[in-house]
Amino acid sequence: MLLEKLDTGAVWSVSRGLARNVRQYKSLLANCDRPRRNDLDRRGTLSEEALAEFTRFFLTVCIDQVTFMDSLVQPDRLRARIRLWAEEEIRMGELPASPEAYWKRSSIVASCPAAMRTR
């Protein structure tokens, strides 16, 4: 149900991390709407302490999810994986025998550092 509502197209989003901690997420988010607790809870009618606690939680989840995706995607090995995929596609007849032309023109190469493109 959550995946349908978010419509992320199966691409990563922070919702994966929030779903893994749904009770804590909902509790901390609800606390943000509570009235301020005391004079040390800053100004305004709502609790700034609760908002800061939720913000810490949210950023921790974001960092955890970025770390997870980095380990999953392994960007330092991306070029090698793309080359292996292209070689397999050539063997199956799905790509012409010279994928180098595709590689040079790809938007992925354009966004990679120059040192990585010359390897």
Protein backbone atom coordinates (compact mmCIF):
# COMPACT_ATOMS: atom_id res chain seq x y z
CA MET A 1 0.00 0.00 0.00
CA LEU A 2 2.76 2.48 0.91
CA LEU A 3 4.65 1.68 -2.30
CA GLU A 4 1.53 2.40 -4.37
CA LYS A 5 0.94 5.73 -2.64
CA LEU A 6 4.53 6.91 -3.02
CA ASP A 7 4.87 5.80 -6.66
CA THR A 8 8.69 5.78 -6.57
CA GLY A 9 8.92 3.36 -9.49
CA ALA A 10 10.93 0.91 -7.35
CA VAL A 11 13.76 3.43 -7.12
CA TRP A 12 15.18 4.11 -3.68
CA SER A 13 13.47 6.60 -1.45
CA VAL A 14 13.71 7.37 2.24
CA SER A 15 10.35 5.65 2.73
CA ARG A 16 12.13 2.26 2.83
CA GLY A 17 13.98 3.31 5.96
CA LEU A 18 10.91 4.89 7.52
CA ALA A 19 8.89 1.74 6.84
CA ARG A 20 11.54 -0.30 8.66
CA ASN A 21 11.06 1.93 11.73
CA VAL A 22 7.38 2.71 11.31
CA ARG A 23 6.43 2.73 15.02
CA GLN A 24 9.25 5.05 16.00
CA TYR A 25 8.61 7.22 12.93
CA LYS A 26 4.91 7.66 13.71
CA SER A 27 5.55 8.25 17.40
CA LEU A 28 8.23 10.89 16.85
CA LEU A 29 6.18 12.58 14.13
CA ALA A 30 3.10 12.71 16.38
CA ASN A 31 5.20 14.20 19.18
CA CYS A 32 5.99 17.16 16.92
CA ASP A 33 2.36 18.26 17.25
CA ARG A 34 2.39 18.23 21.04
CA PRO A 35 2.30 21.50 22.93
CA ARG A 36 5.64 22.75 24.17
CA ARG A 37 6.62 21.14 27.44
CA ASN A 38 8.20 23.98 29.36
CA ASP A 39 10.05 27.29 29.00
CA LEU A 40 13.20 25.41 27.90
CA ASP A 41 11.31 24.00 24.89
CA ARG A 42 11.82 27.24 22.95
CA ARG A 43 9.08 29.57 21.76
CA GLY A 44 5.88 28.81 19.93
CA THR A 45 2.96 26.59 20.76
CA LEU A 46 4.46 23.28 19.59
CA SER A 47 7.41 21.35 20.98
CA GLU A 48 10.67 22.31 19.30
CA GLU A 49 12.43 19.58 21.30
CA ALA A 50 10.17 16.98 19.67
CA LEU A 51 10.83 18.47 16.24
CA ALA A 52 14.60 18.32 16.84
CA GLU A 53 14.30 14.70 18.02
CA PHE A 54 12.30 13.78 14.89
CA THR A 55 14.84 15.58 12.69
CA ARG A 56 17.72 13.61 14.25
CA PHE A 57 15.80 10.37 13.68
CA PHE A 58 14.96 11.28 10.07
CA LEU A 59 18.54 12.23 9.20
CA THR A 60 19.86 9.05 10.82
CA VAL A 61 17.44 7.02 8.66
CA CYS A 62 18.57 8.93 5.56
CA ILE A 63 22.24 8.25 6.28
CA ASP A 64 21.47 4.58 6.92
CA GLN A 65 19.61 4.30 3.61
CA VAL A 66 22.33 6.07 1.62
CA THR A 67 24.90 3.72 3.17
CA PHE A 68 22.70 0.74 2.28
CA MET A 69 22.25 1.89 -1.33
CA ASP A 70 25.97 2.60 -1.68
CA SER A 71 26.77 -0.96 -0.58
CA LEU A 72 24.11 -2.33 -2.93
CA VAL A 73 24.98 -0.29 -6.04
CA GLN A 74 28.76 -0.16 -5.43
CA PRO A 75 29.32 2.97 -7.55
CA ASP A 76 33.08 2.37 -7.63
CA ARG A 77 32.39 -0.83 -9.60
CA LEU A 78 29.63 0.58 -11.82
CA ARG A 79 31.74 0.94 -14.96
CA ALA A 80 32.96 -2.65 -14.76
CA ARG A 81 29.42 -3.92 -14.22
CA ILE A 82 28.11 -1.95 -17.20
CA ARG A 83 30.89 -3.38 -19.37
CA LEU A 84 30.09 -6.94 -18.25
CA TRP A 85 26.42 -6.33 -19.02
CA ALA A 86 27.29 -4.96 -22.48
CA GLU A 87 29.52 -7.96 -23.23
CA GLU A 88 26.72 -10.33 -22.25
CA GLU A 89 24.23 -8.42 -24.43
CA ILE A 90 26.66 -8.66 -27.38
CA ARG A 91 27.00 -12.43 -26.85
CA MET A 92 23.20 -12.74 -26.90
CA GLY A 93 22.96 -10.58 -30.04
CA GLU A 94 21.07 -7.79 -28.31
CA LEU A 95 23.80 -5.16 -28.90
CA PRO A 96 26.05 -4.57 -31.92
CA ALA A 97 29.61 -5.87 -31.57
CA SER A 98 31.01 -2.41 -30.77
CA PRO A 99 29.39 -1.10 -27.57
CA GLU A 100 32.17 1.50 -27.17
CA ALA A 101 30.15 3.96 -29.26
CA TYR A 102 27.24 3.61 -26.84
CA TRP A 103 29.54 3.98 -23.85
CA LYS A 104 31.13 7.18 -25.15
CA ARG A 105 27.76 8.77 -25.82
CA SER A 106 26.01 7.67 -22.67
CA SER A 107 24.88 10.19 -20.10
CA ILE A 108 26.52 8.04 -17.44
CA VAL A 109 29.95 8.68 -18.91
CA ALA A 110 29.26 12.39 -19.16
CA SER A 111 28.57 12.52 -15.43
CA CYS A 112 31.67 10.47 -14.46
CA PRO A 113 34.98 12.13 -13.63
CA ALA A 114 37.40 12.33 -16.58
CA ALA A 115 39.85 9.95 -14.88
CA MET A 116 37.18 7.27 -14.77
CA ARG A 117 36.29 7.69 -18.48
CA THR A 118 39.87 7.11 -19.66
CA ARG A 119 40.39 3.79 -17.87
